[in-house]
Amino acid sequence: MSYENIRYHLAVAFMVCGSSIFYTLLLVWLLLKLVPVEGWELKILYVLVYVLFCFFGLHFYIPRLRKLV
C-alpha cells in the first residue's frame, strides 16, 4: 500500500466517522421518540448505530470518493 493510498483511506475514514456522529444522534433521537430506552441499553444503542453507520459508510464511500480526494 503506497503513501497515497494510506492518506486517502485515512482522509475518507475521518470524514465518514466524523459525519456518522450527526446521523447517529439523529437516528437515536428518532428511535427514542418511538421506544423509551435509557441506561446502559441507550449507550449500547448509540455504539451499535455509530458502528453500523461507520462500517457501511466506509464500505460504500471508499470506492466512490476515490476521484475526489
C-alpha atoms as a PDB file:
ATOM      1  CA  MET A   1       0.000   0.000   0.000  1.00  0.00           C
ATOM      2  CA  SER A   2       1.522   3.281  -1.061  1.00  0.00           C
ATOM      3  CA  TYR A   3       1.638   6.506   0.893  1.00  0.00           C
ATOM      4  CA  GLU A   4      -1.061   7.967  -1.361  1.00  0.00           C
ATOM      5  CA  ASN A   5      -3.456   5.084  -0.599  1.00  0.00           C
ATOM      6  CA  ILE A   6      -2.830   5.367   3.142  1.00  0.00           C
ATOM      7  CA  ARG A   7      -3.522   9.109   3.011  1.00  0.00           C
ATOM      8  CA  TYR A   8      -6.695   8.517   1.012  1.00  0.00           C
ATOM      9  CA  HIS A   9      -8.046   5.836   3.366  1.00  0.00           C
ATOM     10  CA  LEU A  10      -7.332   7.950   6.445  1.00  0.00           C
ATOM     11  CA  ALA A  11      -8.980  11.016   4.928  1.00  0.00           C
ATOM     12  CA  VAL A  12     -12.126   9.104   3.983  1.00  0.00           C
ATOM     13  CA  ALA A  13     -12.232   7.308   7.338  1.00  0.00           C
ATOM     14  CA  PHE A  14     -12.074  10.611   9.240  1.00  0.00           C
ATOM     15  CA  MET A  15     -14.769  12.138   7.027  1.00  0.00           C
ATOM     16  CA  VAL A  16     -17.127   9.174   7.313  1.00  0.00           C
ATOM     17  CA  CYS A  17     -16.651   8.589  11.042  1.00  0.00           C
ATOM     18  CA  GLY A  18     -16.976  12.287  11.789  1.00  0.00           C
ATOM     19  CA  SER A  19     -20.181  12.687   9.848  1.00  0.00           C
ATOM     20  CA  SER A  20     -21.593   9.466  11.307  1.00  0.00           C
ATOM     21  CA  ILE A  21     -21.859  11.167  14.698  1.00  0.00           C
ATOM     22  CA  PHE A  22     -24.587  13.508  13.443  1.00  0.00           C
ATOM     23  CA  TYR A  23     -26.565  10.724  11.781  1.00  0.00           C
ATOM     24  CA  THR A  24     -26.244   8.559  14.897  1.00  0.00           C
ATOM     25  CA  LEU A  25     -27.634  11.313  17.098  1.00  0.00           C
ATOM     26  CA  LEU A  26     -30.482  11.924  14.687  1.00  0.00           C
ATOM     27  CA  LEU A  27     -31.460   8.266  14.320  1.00  0.00           C
ATOM     28  CA  VAL A  28     -31.241   7.513  18.050  1.00  0.00           C
ATOM     29  CA  TRP A  29     -33.296  10.626  18.808  1.00  0.00           C
ATOM     30  CA  LEU A  30     -35.991   9.400  16.409  1.00  0.00           C
ATOM     31  CA  LEU A  31     -35.866   5.892  17.893  1.00  0.00           C
ATOM     32  CA  LEU A  32     -36.240   7.320  21.393  1.00  0.00           C
ATOM     33  CA  LYS A  33     -39.460   9.001  20.267  1.00  0.00           C
ATOM     34  CA  LEU A  34     -40.837   5.551  19.366  1.00  0.00           C
ATOM     35  CA  VAL A  35     -39.286   3.316  22.045  1.00  0.00           C
ATOM     36  CA  PRO A  36     -38.310   4.575  25.510  1.00  0.00           C
ATOM     37  CA  VAL A  37     -34.762   3.375  26.210  1.00  0.00           C
ATOM     38  CA  GLU A  38     -32.471   4.562  28.988  1.00  0.00           C
ATOM     39  CA  GLY A  39     -29.440   3.486  30.950  1.00  0.00           C
ATOM     40  CA  TRP A  40     -26.933   1.036  29.568  1.00  0.00           C
ATOM     41  CA  GLU A  41     -29.275  -0.002  26.754  1.00  0.00           C
ATOM     42  CA  LEU A  42     -29.140   3.563  25.425  1.00  0.00           C
ATOM     43  CA  LYS A  43     -25.344   3.525  25.435  1.00  0.00           C
ATOM     44  CA  ILE A  44     -25.309   0.216  23.587  1.00  0.00           C
ATOM     45  CA  LEU A  45     -27.797   1.617  21.072  1.00  0.00           C
ATOM     46  CA  TYR A  46     -25.562   4.659  20.442  1.00  0.00           C
ATOM     47  CA  VAL A  47     -22.479   2.499  19.932  1.00  0.00           C
ATOM     48  CA  LEU A  48     -24.267  -0.017  17.729  1.00  0.00           C
ATOM     49  CA  VAL A  49     -25.797   2.619  15.452  1.00  0.00           C
ATOM     50  CA  TYR A  50     -22.492   4.526  15.226  1.00  0.00           C
ATOM     51  CA  VAL A  51     -20.522   1.406  14.323  1.00  0.00           C
ATOM     52  CA  LEU A  52     -23.095   0.447  11.689  1.00  0.00           C
ATOM     53  CA  PHE A  53     -23.013   3.919  10.115  1.00  0.00           C
ATOM     54  CA  CYS A  54     -19.207   3.894  10.092  1.00  0.00           C
ATOM     55  CA  PHE A  55     -18.972   0.387   8.656  1.00  0.00           C
ATOM     56  CA  PHE A  56     -21.455   0.922   5.851  1.00  0.00           C
ATOM     57  CA  GLY A  57     -20.166   4.422   5.198  1.00  0.00           C
ATOM     58  CA  LEU A  58     -16.612   3.174   4.783  1.00  0.00           C
ATOM     59  CA  HIS A  59     -17.750   0.196   2.770  1.00  0.00           C
ATOM     60  CA  PHE A  60     -19.618   2.306   0.230  1.00  0.00           C
ATOM     61  CA  TYR A  61     -17.683   5.602   0.231  1.00  0.00           C
ATOM     62  CA  ILE A  62     -14.081   4.409  -0.063  1.00  0.00           C
ATOM     63  CA  PRO A  63     -14.513   3.349  -3.709  1.00  0.00           C
ATOM     64  CA  ARG A  64     -16.825   6.268  -4.615  1.00  0.00           C
ATOM     65  CA  LEU A  65     -14.687   9.083  -3.237  1.00  0.00           C
ATOM     66  CA  ARG A  66     -11.532   7.866  -4.941  1.00  0.00           C
ATOM     67  CA  LYS A  67     -11.737  10.546  -7.636  1.00  0.00           C
ATOM     68  CA  LEU A  68     -12.460  13.420  -5.232  1.00  0.00           C
ATOM     69  CA  VAL A  69      -9.779  13.080  -2.557  1.00  0.00           C
END
